[in-house]
Amino acid sequence: MKHVFAWVEVGVTFVVELSKSTWATICAVLGPTERLRPAILAVPLDVQSPGGIVLFADMVTLTPGTTSLEVSANGRTLYVHVLDAPDQDAAVLGMKATLEASARKVLP
């Protein structure tokens, strides 16, 4: 039963992040495009299982404004394209604290 609640928490976290990213993407698209700071970020992975990496990468890709590009050959880094990342370190930390942390709860 504990595992079911962990999956529910993953779903809730994803919906919250999806909502925040949708709003940020709408604002970015409708705002002045010259202020956008697109980037390709190297996100170090704490999640180690293949399933956990896939879950995290899929949640990133399904979140508007971000796309998972590739996992490094050693499975320790996820490369992500971000539509707008004025603070790249904060963007990486945000993904790790929300989406990756959720993935680690169910697929470490």
PDB file of N, CA and C in Angstrom:
ATOM      1  N   MET A   1       0.821  -1.200   0.000  1.00  0.00           N
ATOM      2  CA  MET A   1       0.000   0.000   0.000  1.00  0.00           C
ATOM      3  C   MET A   1       0.865   1.266   0.000  1.00  0.00           C
ATOM      4  N   LYS A   2       2.001   1.190   0.698  1.00  0.00           N
ATOM      5  CA  LYS A   2       2.919   2.334   0.745  1.00  0.00           C
ATOM      6  C   LYS A   2       3.401   2.693  -0.660  1.00  0.00           C
ATOM      7  N   HIS A   3       3.635   1.667  -1.485  1.00  0.00           N
ATOM      8  CA  HIS A   3       4.105   1.878  -2.857  1.00  0.00           C
ATOM      9  C   HIS A   3       3.048   2.611  -3.691  1.00  0.00           C
ATOM     10  N   VAL A   4       1.796   2.315  -3.453  1.00  0.00           N
ATOM     11  CA  VAL A   4       0.698   2.980  -4.176  1.00  0.00           C
ATOM     12  C   VAL A   4       0.705   4.471  -3.863  1.00  0.00           C
ATOM     13  N   PHE A   5       0.881   4.813  -2.591  1.00  0.00           N
ATOM     14  CA  PHE A   5       0.918   6.223  -2.209  1.00  0.00           C
ATOM     15  C   PHE A   5       2.108   6.946  -2.833  1.00  0.00           C
ATOM     16  N   ALA A   6       3.224   6.251  -2.969  1.00  0.00           N
ATOM     17  CA  ALA A   6       4.401   6.853  -3.609  1.00  0.00           C
ATOM     18  C   ALA A   6       4.088   7.179  -5.070  1.00  0.00           C
ATOM     19  N   TRP A   7       3.396   6.274  -5.769  1.00  0.00           N
ATOM     20  CA  TRP A   7       3.021   6.533  -7.162  1.00  0.00           C
ATOM     21  C   TRP A   7       2.020   7.675  -7.253  1.00  0.00           C
ATOM     22  N   VAL A   8       1.113   7.768  -6.294  1.00  0.00           N
ATOM     23  CA  VAL A   8       0.161   8.892  -6.272  1.00  0.00           C
ATOM     24  C   VAL A   8       0.926  10.194  -6.079  1.00  0.00           C
ATOM     25  N   GLU A   9       1.913  10.179  -5.207  1.00  0.00           N
ATOM     26  CA  GLU A   9       2.742  11.371  -4.995  1.00  0.00           C
ATOM     27  C   GLU A   9       3.486  11.769  -6.269  1.00  0.00           C
ATOM     28  N   VAL A  10       3.979  10.793  -7.016  1.00  0.00           N
ATOM     29  CA  VAL A  10       4.628  11.074  -8.306  1.00  0.00           C
ATOM     30  C   VAL A  10       3.637  11.776  -9.230  1.00  0.00           C
ATOM     31  N   GLY A  11       2.427  11.253  -9.296  1.00  0.00           N
ATOM     32  CA  GLY A  11       1.407  11.850 -10.162  1.00  0.00           C
ATOM     33  C   GLY A  11       1.065  13.279  -9.759  1.00  0.00           C
ATOM     34  N   VAL A  12       0.907  13.505  -8.468  1.00  0.00           N
ATOM     35  CA  VAL A  12       0.584  14.852  -7.977  1.00  0.00           C
ATOM     36  C   VAL A  12       1.730  15.810  -8.274  1.00  0.00           C
ATOM     37  N   THR A  13       2.951  15.389  -7.992  1.00  0.00           N
ATOM     38  CA  THR A  13       4.121  16.232  -8.276  1.00  0.00           C
ATOM     39  C   THR A  13       4.185  16.571  -9.757  1.00  0.00           C
ATOM     40  N   PHE A  14       3.952  15.569 -10.606  1.00  0.00           N
ATOM     41  CA  PHE A  14       4.010  15.814 -12.049  1.00  0.00           C
ATOM     42  C   PHE A  14       2.938  16.811 -12.482  1.00  0.00           C
ATOM     43  N   VAL A  15       1.725  16.679 -11.979  1.00  0.00           N
ATOM     44  CA  VAL A  15       0.640  17.597 -12.361  1.00  0.00           C
ATOM     45  C   VAL A  15       0.962  19.018 -11.913  1.00  0.00           C
ATOM     46  N   VAL A  16       1.518  19.164 -10.723  1.00  0.00           N
ATOM     47  CA  VAL A  16       1.904  20.502 -10.239  1.00  0.00           C
ATOM     48  C   VAL A  16       2.984  21.095 -11.141  1.00  0.00           C
ATOM     49  N   GLU A  17       4.027  20.318 -11.444  1.00  0.00           N
ATOM     50  CA  GLU A  17       5.108  20.810 -12.306  1.00  0.00           C
ATOM     51  C   GLU A  17       4.613  21.066 -13.726  1.00  0.00           C
ATOM     52  N   LEU A  18       3.710  20.230 -14.206  1.00  0.00           N
ATOM     53  CA  LEU A  18       3.108  20.423 -15.522  1.00  0.00           C
ATOM     54  C   LEU A  18       2.365  21.748 -15.571  1.00  0.00           C
ATOM     55  N   SER A  19       1.600  22.044 -14.543  1.00  0.00           N
ATOM     56  CA  SER A  19       0.839  23.302 -14.484  1.00  0.00           C
ATOM     57  C   SER A  19       1.767  24.509 -14.454  1.00  0.00           C
ATOM     58  N   LYS A  20       2.792  24.448 -13.600  1.00  0.00           N
ATOM     59  CA  LYS A  20       3.736  25.574 -13.513  1.00  0.00           C
ATOM     60  C   LYS A  20       4.471  25.782 -14.831  1.00  0.00           C
ATOM     61  N   SER A  21       4.905  24.696 -15.452  1.00  0.00           N
ATOM     62  CA  SER A  21       5.640  24.797 -16.714  1.00  0.00           C
ATOM     63  C   SER A  21       4.750  25.264 -17.856  1.00  0.00           C
ATOM     64  N   THR A  22       3.505  24.836 -17.845  1.00  0.00           N
ATOM     65  CA  THR A  22       2.570  25.287 -18.880  1.00  0.00           C
ATOM     66  C   THR A  22       2.410  26.801 -18.802  1.00  0.00           C
ATOM     67  N   TRP A  23       2.215  27.313 -17.607  1.00  0.00           N
ATOM     68  CA  TRP A  23       2.051  28.764 -17.443  1.00  0.00           C
ATOM     69  C   TRP A  23       3.330  29.503 -17.855  1.00  0.00           C
ATOM     70  N   ALA A  24       4.473  29.008 -17.441  1.00  0.00           N
ATOM     71  CA  ALA A  24       5.743  29.655 -17.798  1.00  0.00           C
ATOM     72  C   ALA A  24       5.962  29.634 -19.310  1.00  0.00           C
ATOM     73  N   THR A  25       5.588  28.540 -19.966  1.00  0.00           N
ATOM     74  CA  THR A  25       5.750  28.441 -21.418  1.00  0.00           C
ATOM     75  C   THR A  25       4.804  29.390 -22.132  1.00  0.00           C
ATOM     76  N   ILE A  26       3.583  29.496 -21.658  1.00  0.00           N
ATOM     77  CA  ILE A  26       2.632  30.453 -22.248  1.00  0.00           C
ATOM     78  C   ILE A  26       3.192  31.871 -22.139  1.00  0.00           C
ATOM     79  N   CYS A  27       3.689  32.223 -20.972  1.00  0.00           N
ATOM     80  CA  CYS A  27       4.257  33.567 -20.777  1.00  0.00           C
ATOM     81  C   CYS A  27       5.472  33.781 -21.682  1.00  0.00           C
ATOM     82  N   ALA A  28       6.294  32.750 -21.831  1.00  0.00           N
ATOM     83  CA  ALA A  28       7.486  32.871 -22.675  1.00  0.00           C
ATOM     84  C   ALA A  28       7.107  33.053 -24.139  1.00  0.00           C
ATOM     85  N   VAL A  29       6.127  32.309 -24.596  1.00  0.00           N
ATOM     86  CA  VAL A  29       5.719  32.379 -26.002  1.00  0.00           C
ATOM     87  C   VAL A  29       5.032  33.705 -26.313  1.00  0.00           C
ATOM     88  N   LEU A  30       4.228  34.197 -25.396  1.00  0.00           N
ATOM     89  CA  LEU A  30       3.497  35.442 -25.639  1.00  0.00           C
ATOM     90  C   LEU A  30       4.304  36.683 -25.303  1.00  0.00           C
ATOM     91  N   GLY A  31       5.401  36.529 -24.590  1.00  0.00           N
ATOM     92  CA  GLY A  31       6.230  37.669 -24.216  1.00  0.00           C
ATOM     93  C   GLY A  31       7.281  37.957 -25.271  1.00  0.00           C
ATOM     94  N   PRO A  32       8.121  38.941 -25.002  1.00  0.00           N
ATOM     95  CA  PRO A  32       9.194  39.270 -25.949  1.00  0.00           C
ATOM     96  C   PRO A  32      10.223  38.138 -26.039  1.00  0.00           C
ATOM     97  N   THR A  33      10.409  37.633 -27.240  1.00  0.00           N
ATOM     98  CA  THR A  33      11.278  36.472 -27.425  1.00  0.00           C
ATOM     99  C   THR A  33      12.761  36.796 -27.231  1.00  0.00           C
ATOM    100  N   GLU A  34      13.143  38.046 -27.340  1.00  0.00           N
ATOM    101  CA  GLU A  34      14.557  38.379 -27.170  1.00  0.00           C
ATOM    102  C   GLU A  34      15.036  38.197 -25.738  1.00  0.00           C
ATOM    103  N   ARG A  35      14.115  38.088 -24.791  1.00  0.00           N
ATOM    104  CA  ARG A  35      14.525  37.869 -23.405  1.00  0.00           C
ATOM    105  C   ARG A  35      14.688  36.386 -23.059  1.00  0.00           C
ATOM    106  N   LEU A  36      14.288  35.491 -23.954  1.00  0.00           N
ATOM    107  CA  LEU A  36      14.419  34.056 -23.692  1.00  0.00           C
ATOM    108  C   LEU A  36      15.886  33.639 -23.665  1.00  0.00           C
ATOM    109  N   ARG A  37      16.193  32.715 -22.767  1.00  0.00           N
ATOM    110  CA  ARG A  37      17.545  32.178 -22.637  1.00  0.00           C
ATOM    111  C   ARG A  37      17.494  30.657 -22.765  1.00  0.00           C
ATOM    112  N   PRO A  38      17.355  30.149 -24.014  1.00  0.00           N
ATOM    113  CA  PRO A  38      17.331  28.692 -24.181  1.00  0.00           C
ATOM    114  C   PRO A  38      18.702  28.106 -23.838  1.00  0.00           C
ATOM    115  N   ALA A  39      18.672  26.861 -23.414  1.00  0.00           N
ATOM    116  CA  ALA A  39      19.935  26.222 -23.016  1.00  0.00           C
ATOM    117  C   ALA A  39      19.808  24.705 -23.112  1.00  0.00           C
ATOM    118  N   ILE A  40      20.948  24.069 -23.241  1.00  0.00           N
ATOM    119  CA  ILE A  40      21.028  22.621 -23.078  1.00  0.00           C
ATOM    120  C   ILE A  40      21.763  22.402 -21.761  1.00  0.00           C
ATOM    121  N   LEU A  41      21.078  21.736 -20.848  1.00  0.00           N
ATOM    122  CA  LEU A  41      21.596  21.545 -19.502  1.00  0.00           C
ATOM    123  C   LEU A  41      22.051  20.106 -19.294  1.00  0.00           C
ATOM    124  N   ALA A  42      23.116  19.940 -18.571  1.00  0.00           N
ATOM    125  CA  ALA A  42      23.583  18.619 -18.156  1.00  0.00           C
ATOM    126  C   ALA A  42      23.086  18.399 -16.731  1.00  0.00           C
ATOM    127  N   VAL A  43      22.126  17.502 -16.582  1.00  0.00           N
ATOM    128  CA  VAL A  43      21.529  17.240 -15.279  1.00  0.00           C
ATOM    129  C   VAL A  43      22.159  15.966 -14.707  1.00  0.00           C
ATOM    130  N   PRO A  44      22.955  16.088 -13.641  1.00  0.00           N
ATOM    131  CA  PRO A  44      23.548  14.893 -13.048  1.00  0.00           C
ATOM    132  C   PRO A  44      22.448  14.034 -12.422  1.00  0.00           C
ATOM    133  N   LEU A  45      22.514  12.733 -12.662  1.00  0.00           N
ATOM    134  CA  LEU A  45      21.462  11.838 -12.198  1.00  0.00           C
ATOM    135  C   LEU A  45      21.810  11.178 -10.871  1.00  0.00           C
ATOM    136  N   ASP A  46      20.886  11.274  -9.932  1.00  0.00           N
ATOM    137  CA  ASP A  46      20.978  10.521  -8.686  1.00  0.00           C
ATOM    138  C   ASP A  46      20.195   9.221  -8.814  1.00  0.00           C
ATOM    139  N   VAL A  47      19.134   9.249  -9.623  1.00  0.00           N
ATOM    140  CA  VAL A  47      18.368   8.032  -9.877  1.00  0.00           C
ATOM    141  C   VAL A  47      19.274   7.081 -10.658  1.00  0.00           C
ATOM    142  N   GLN A  48      19.254   5.795 -10.295  1.00  0.00           N
ATOM    143  CA  GLN A  48      20.210   4.867 -10.897  1.00  0.00           C
ATOM    144  C   GLN A  48      19.578   3.761 -11.720  1.00  0.00           C
ATOM    145  N   SER A  49      18.342   3.409 -11.434  1.00  0.00           N
ATOM    146  CA  SER A  49      17.734   2.299 -12.172  1.00  0.00           C
ATOM    147  C   SER A  49      17.336   2.760 -13.572  1.00  0.00           C
ATOM    148  N   PRO A  50      17.418   1.877 -14.544  1.00  0.00           N
ATOM    149  CA  PRO A  50      16.996   2.247 -15.904  1.00  0.00           C
ATOM    150  C   PRO A  50      15.549   2.752 -15.936  1.00  0.00           C
ATOM    151  N   GLY A  51      14.674   2.104 -15.173  1.00  0.00           N
ATOM    152  CA  GLY A  51      13.280   2.546 -15.126  1.00  0.00           C
ATOM    153  C   GLY A  51      13.135   3.933 -14.525  1.00  0.00           C
ATOM    154  N   GLY A  52      13.912   4.212 -13.484  1.00  0.00           N
ATOM    155  CA  GLY A  52      13.872   5.530 -12.857  1.00  0.00           C
ATOM    156  C   GLY A  52      14.376   6.622 -13.789  1.00  0.00           C
ATOM    157  N   ILE A  53      15.427   6.312 -14.546  1.00  0.00           N
ATOM    158  CA  ILE A  53      15.961   7.278 -15.515  1.00  0.00           C
ATOM    159  C   ILE A  53      14.925   7.549 -16.602  1.00  0.00           C
ATOM    160  N   VAL A  54      14.274   6.496 -17.089  1.00  0.00           N
ATOM    161  CA  VAL A  54      13.246   6.664 -18.120  1.00  0.00           C
ATOM    162  C   VAL A  54      12.078   7.477 -17.577  1.00  0.00           C
ATOM    163  N   LEU A  55      11.633   7.174 -16.355  1.00  0.00           N
ATOM    164  CA  LEU A  55      10.521   7.921 -15.756  1.00  0.00           C
ATOM    165  C   LEU A  55      10.871   9.397 -15.638  1.00  0.00           C
ATOM    166  N   PHE A  56      12.045   9.704 -15.118  1.00  0.00           N
ATOM    167  CA  PHE A  56      12.475  11.092 -14.974  1.00  0.00           C
ATOM    168  C   PHE A  56      12.566  11.778 -16.339  1.00  0.00           C
ATOM    169  N   ALA A  57      13.214  11.132 -17.295  1.00  0.00           N
ATOM    170  CA  ALA A  57      13.358  11.723 -18.634  1.00  0.00           C
ATOM    171  C   ALA A  57      12.001  11.937 -19.290  1.00  0.00           C
ATOM    172  N   ASP A  58      11.082  10.999 -19.113  1.00  0.00           N
ATOM    173  CA  ASP A  58       9.744  11.153 -19.689  1.00  0.00           C
ATOM    174  C   ASP A  58       8.990  12.311 -19.043  1.00  0.00           C
ATOM    175  N   MET A  59       9.082  12.444 -17.726  1.00  0.00           N
ATOM    176  CA  MET A  59       8.400  13.560 -17.059  1.00  0.00           C
ATOM    177  C   MET A  59       8.976  14.894 -17.534  1.00  0.00           C
ATOM    178  N   VAL A  60      10.291  14.951 -17.712  1.00  0.00           N
ATOM    179  CA  VAL A  60      10.925  16.173 -18.226  1.00  0.00           C
ATOM    180  C   VAL A  60      10.384  16.491 -19.613  1.00  0.00           C
ATOM    181  N   THR A  61      10.343  15.499 -20.486  1.00  0.00           N
ATOM    182  CA  THR A  61       9.894  15.719 -21.861  1.00  0.00           C
ATOM    183  C   THR A  61       8.419  16.100 -21.922  1.00  0.00           C
ATOM    184  N   LEU A  62       7.605  15.535 -21.057  1.00  0.00           N
ATOM    185  CA  LEU A  62       6.174  15.842 -21.068  1.00  0.00           C
ATOM    186  C   LEU A  62       5.856  17.196 -20.444  1.00  0.00           C
ATOM    187  N   THR A  63       6.828  17.791 -19.774  1.00  0.00           N
ATOM    188  CA  THR A  63       6.634  19.107 -19.174  1.00  0.00           C
ATOM    189  C   THR A  63       6.937  20.173 -20.230  1.00  0.00           C
ATOM    190  N   PRO A  64       5.977  21.065 -20.517  1.00  0.00           N
ATOM    191  CA  PRO A  64       6.201  22.079 -21.552  1.00  0.00           C
ATOM    192  C   PRO A  64       7.456  22.918 -21.289  1.00  0.00           C
ATOM    193  N   GLY A  65       8.176  23.200 -22.358  1.00  0.00           N
ATOM    194  CA  GLY A  65       9.367  24.031 -22.261  1.00  0.00           C
ATOM    195  C   GLY A  65      10.647  23.251 -22.049  1.00  0.00           C
ATOM    196  N   THR A  66      10.545  21.935 -21.897  1.00  0.00           N
ATOM    197  CA  THR A  66      11.738  21.107 -21.705  1.00  0.00           C
ATOM    198  C   THR A  66      11.636  19.847 -22.556  1.00  0.00           C
ATOM    199  N   THR A  67      12.784  19.374 -23.000  1.00  0.00           N
ATOM    200  CA  THR A  67      12.850  18.135 -23.772  1.00  0.00           C
ATOM    201  C   THR A  67      14.103  17.373 -23.365  1.00  0.00           C
ATOM    202  N   SER A  68      13.931  16.122 -22.997  1.00  0.00           N
ATOM    203  CA  SER A  68      15.090  15.266 -22.734  1.00  0.00           C
ATOM    204  C   SER A  68      15.739  14.939 -24.066  1.00  0.00           C
ATOM    205  N   LEU A  69      17.035  15.104 -24.133  1.00  0.00           N
ATOM    206  CA  LEU A  69      17.756  14.857 -25.374  1.00  0.00           C
ATOM    207  C   LEU A  69      18.479  13.521 -25.378  1.00  0.00           C
ATOM    208  N   GLU A  70      19.228  13.245 -24.313  1.00  0.00           N
ATOM    209  CA  GLU A  70      20.058  12.048 -24.296  1.00  0.00           C
ATOM    210  C   GLU A  70      20.522  11.767 -22.872  1.00  0.00           C
ATOM    211  N   VAL A  71      20.731  10.489 -22.605  1.00  0.00           N
ATOM    212  CA  VAL A  71      21.372  10.070 -21.365  1.00  0.00           C
ATOM    213  C   VAL A  71      22.806   9.714 -21.730  1.00  0.00           C
ATOM    214  N   SER A  72      23.746  10.162 -20.930  1.00  0.00           N
ATOM    215  CA  SER A  72      25.156   9.867 -21.206  1.00  0.00           C
ATOM    216  C   SER A  72      25.390   8.362 -21.231  1.00  0.00           C
ATOM    217  N   ALA A  73      26.464   7.952 -21.868  1.00  0.00           N
ATOM    218  CA  ALA A  73      26.795   6.534 -22.010  1.00  0.00           C
ATOM    219  C   ALA A  73      26.931   5.836 -20.656  1.00  0.00           C
ATOM    220  N   ASN A  74      27.412   6.552 -19.657  1.00  0.00           N
ATOM    221  CA  ASN A  74      27.573   5.940 -18.334  1.00  0.00           C
ATOM    222  C   ASN A  74      26.305   6.035 -17.479  1.00  0.00           C
ATOM    223  N   GLY A  75      25.240   6.653 -18.011  1.00  0.00           N
ATOM    224  CA  GLY A  75      23.969   6.738 -17.298  1.00  0.00           C
ATOM    225  C   GLY A  75      23.969   7.691 -16.121  1.00  0.00           C
ATOM    226  N   ARG A  76      24.907   8.612 -16.073  1.00  0.00           N
ATOM    227  CA  ARG A  76      25.021   9.524 -14.923  1.00  0.00           C
ATOM    228  C   ARG A  76      24.558  10.946 -15.222  1.00  0.00           C
ATOM    229  N   THR A  77      24.246  11.258 -16.493  1.00  0.00           N
ATOM    230  CA  THR A  77      23.850  12.613 -16.870  1.00  0.00           C
ATOM    231  C   THR A  77      22.710  12.561 -17.877  1.00  0.00           C
ATOM    232  N   LEU A  78      21.710  13.397 -17.654  1.00  0.00           N
ATOM    233  CA  LEU A  78      20.617  13.571 -18.605  1.00  0.00           C
ATOM    234  C   LEU A  78      20.786  14.952 -19.230  1.00  0.00           C
ATOM    235  N   TYR A  79      20.829  15.007 -20.545  1.00  0.00           N
ATOM    236  CA  TYR A  79      20.926  16.283 -21.245  1.00  0.00           C
ATOM    237  C   TYR A  79      19.517  16.737 -21.602  1.00  0.00           C
ATOM    238  N   VAL A  80      19.211  17.978 -21.241  1.00  0.00           N
ATOM    239  CA  VAL A  80      17.859  18.514 -21.381  1.00  0.00           C
ATOM    240  C   VAL A  80      17.911  19.857 -22.101  1.00  0.00           C
ATOM    241  N   HIS A  81      17.059  20.035 -23.108  1.00  0.00           N
ATOM    242  CA  HIS A  81      16.900  21.342 -23.734  1.00  0.00           C
ATOM    243  C   HIS A  81      15.803  22.085 -22.979  1.00  0.00           C
ATOM    244  N   VAL A  82      16.102  23.332 -22.623  1.00  0.00           N
ATOM    245  CA  VAL A  82      15.155  24.164 -21.877  1.00  0.00           C
ATOM    246  C   VAL A  82      14.869  25.414 -22.701  1.00  0.00           C
ATOM    247  N   LEU A  83      13.595  25.748 -22.843  1.00  0.00           N
ATOM    248  CA  LEU A  83      13.178  26.918 -23.618  1.00  0.00           C
ATOM    249  C   LEU A  83      13.709  28.215 -23.017  1.00  0.00           C
ATOM    250  N   ASP A  84      13.668  28.321 -21.685  1.00  0.00           N
ATOM    251  CA  ASP A  84      14.096  29.550 -21.030  1.00  0.00           C
ATOM    252  C   ASP A  84      14.730  29.203 -19.689  1.00  0.00           C
ATOM    253  N   ALA A  85      16.039  29.405 -19.586  1.00  0.00           N
ATOM    254  CA  ALA A  85      16.767  29.114 -18.351  1.00  0.00           C
ATOM    255  C   ALA A  85      17.715  30.263 -18.032  1.00  0.00           C
ATOM    256  N   PRO A  86      17.172  31.374 -17.519  1.00  0.00           N
ATOM    257  CA  PRO A  86      18.063  32.485 -17.173  1.00  0.00           C
ATOM    258  C   PRO A  86      19.062  32.114 -16.079  1.00  0.00           C
ATOM    259  N   ASP A  87      18.666  31.197 -15.197  1.00  0.00           N
ATOM    260  CA  ASP A  87      19.569  30.686 -14.160  1.00  0.00           C
ATOM    261  C   ASP A  87      19.648  29.170 -14.354  1.00  0.00           C
ATOM    262  N   GLN A  88      20.692  28.737 -15.048  1.00  0.00           N
ATOM    263  CA  GLN A  88      20.811  27.326 -15.399  1.00  0.00           C
ATOM    264  C   GLN A  88      20.952  26.425 -14.176  1.00  0.00           C
ATOM    265  N   ASP A  89      21.693  26.872 -13.179  1.00  0.00           N
ATOM    266  CA  ASP A  89      21.847  26.066 -11.965  1.00  0.00           C
ATOM    267  C   ASP A  89      20.506  25.872 -11.266  1.00  0.00           C
ATOM    268  N   ALA A  90      19.708  26.933 -11.202  1.00  0.00           N
ATOM    269  CA  ALA A  90      18.386  26.835 -10.568  1.00  0.00           C
ATOM    270  C   ALA A  90      17.469  25.906 -11.353  1.00  0.00           C
ATOM    271  N   ALA A  91      17.576  25.929 -12.681  1.00  0.00           N
ATOM    272  CA  ALA A  91      16.754  25.042 -13.502  1.00  0.00           C
ATOM    273  C   ALA A  91      17.105  23.579 -13.239  1.00  0.00           C
ATOM    274  N   VAL A  92      18.395  23.274 -13.154  1.00  0.00           N
ATOM    275  CA  VAL A  92      18.831  21.902 -12.869  1.00  0.00           C
ATOM    276  C   VAL A  92      18.354  21.484 -11.481  1.00  0.00           C
ATOM    277  N   LEU A  93      18.587  22.332 -10.496  1.00  0.00           N
ATOM    278  CA  LEU A  93      18.178  22.004  -9.129  1.00  0.00           C
ATOM    279  C   LEU A  93      16.667  21.820  -9.027  1.00  0.00           C
ATOM    280  N   GLY A  94      15.903  22.631  -9.769  1.00  0.00           N
ATOM    281  CA  GLY A  94      14.452  22.495  -9.755  1.00  0.00           C
ATOM    282  C   GLY A  94      13.993  21.152 -10.289  1.00  0.00           C
ATOM    283  N   MET A  95      14.577  20.716 -11.409  1.00  0.00           N
ATOM    284  CA  MET A  95      14.221  19.407 -11.974  1.00  0.00           C
ATOM    285  C   MET A  95      14.578  18.276 -11.008  1.00  0.00           C
ATOM    286  N   LYS A  96      15.734  18.394 -10.379  1.00  0.00           N
ATOM    287  CA  LYS A  96      16.190  17.340  -9.476  1.00  0.00           C
ATOM    288  C   LYS A  96      15.330  17.288  -8.212  1.00  0.00           C
ATOM    289  N   ALA A  97      14.958  18.459  -7.695  1.00  0.00           N
ATOM    290  CA  ALA A  97      14.203  18.516  -6.437  1.00  0.00           C
ATOM    291  C   ALA A  97      12.756  18.070  -6.593  1.00  0.00           C
ATOM    292  N   THR A  98      12.222  18.164  -7.783  1.00  0.00           N
ATOM    293  CA  THR A  98      10.816  17.813  -7.974  1.00  0.00           C
ATOM    294  C   THR A  98      10.671  16.501  -8.737  1.00  0.00           C
ATOM    295  N   LEU A  99      10.958  16.532 -10.021  1.00  0.00           N
ATOM    296  CA  LEU A  99      10.714  15.368 -10.872  1.00  0.00           C
ATOM    297  C   LEU A  99      11.630  14.200 -10.557  1.00  0.00           C
ATOM    298  N   GLU A 100      12.931  14.466 -10.431  1.00  0.00           N
ATOM    299  CA  GLU A 100      13.838  13.352 -10.144  1.00  0.00           C
ATOM    300  C   GLU A 100      13.587  12.778  -8.758  1.00  0.00           C
ATOM    301  N   ALA A 101      13.358  13.651  -7.788  1.00  0.00           N
ATOM    302  CA  ALA A 101      13.091  13.167  -6.426  1.00  0.00           C
ATOM    303  C   ALA A 101      11.856  12.278  -6.411  1.00  0.00           C
ATOM    304  N   SER A 102      10.835  12.619  -7.180  1.00  0.00           N
ATOM    305  CA  SER A 102       9.637  11.779  -7.268  1.00  0.00           C
ATOM    306  C   SER A 102       9.953  10.438  -7.915  1.00  0.00           C
ATOM    307  N   ALA A 103      10.703  10.476  -9.003  1.00  0.00           N
ATOM    308  CA  ALA A 103      11.056   9.234  -9.682  1.00  0.00           C
ATOM    309  C   ALA A 103      11.847   8.312  -8.754  1.00  0.00           C
ATOM    310  N   ARG A 104      12.721   8.873  -7.962  1.00  0.00           N
ATOM    311  CA  ARG A 104      13.548   8.067  -7.050  1.00  0.00           C
ATOM    312  C   ARG A 104      12.719   7.381  -5.972  1.00  0.00           C
ATOM    313  N   LYS A 105      11.567   7.936  -5.642  1.00  0.00           N
ATOM    314  CA  LYS A 105      10.723   7.320  -4.607  1.00  0.00           C
ATOM    315  C   LYS A 105      10.108   6.002  -5.069  1.00  0.00           C
ATOM    316  N   VAL A 106       9.901   5.884  -6.376  1.00  0.00           N
ATOM    317  CA  VAL A 106       9.233   4.671  -6.872  1.00  0.00           C
ATOM    318  C   VAL A 106      10.160   3.761  -7.661  1.00  0.00           C
ATOM    319  N   LEU A 107      11.173   4.331  -8.290  1.00  0.00           N
ATOM    320  CA  LEU A 107      12.125   3.545  -9.095  1.00  0.00           C
ATOM    321  C   LEU A 107      13.541   4.068  -8.817  1.00  0.00           C
ATOM    322  N   PRO A 108      14.124   3.694  -7.685  1.00  0.00           N
ATOM    323  CA  PRO A 108      15.421   4.246  -7.280  1.00  0.00           C
ATOM    324  C   PRO A 108      16.505   3.871  -8.258  1.00  0.00           C
TER     325      PRO A 108
END
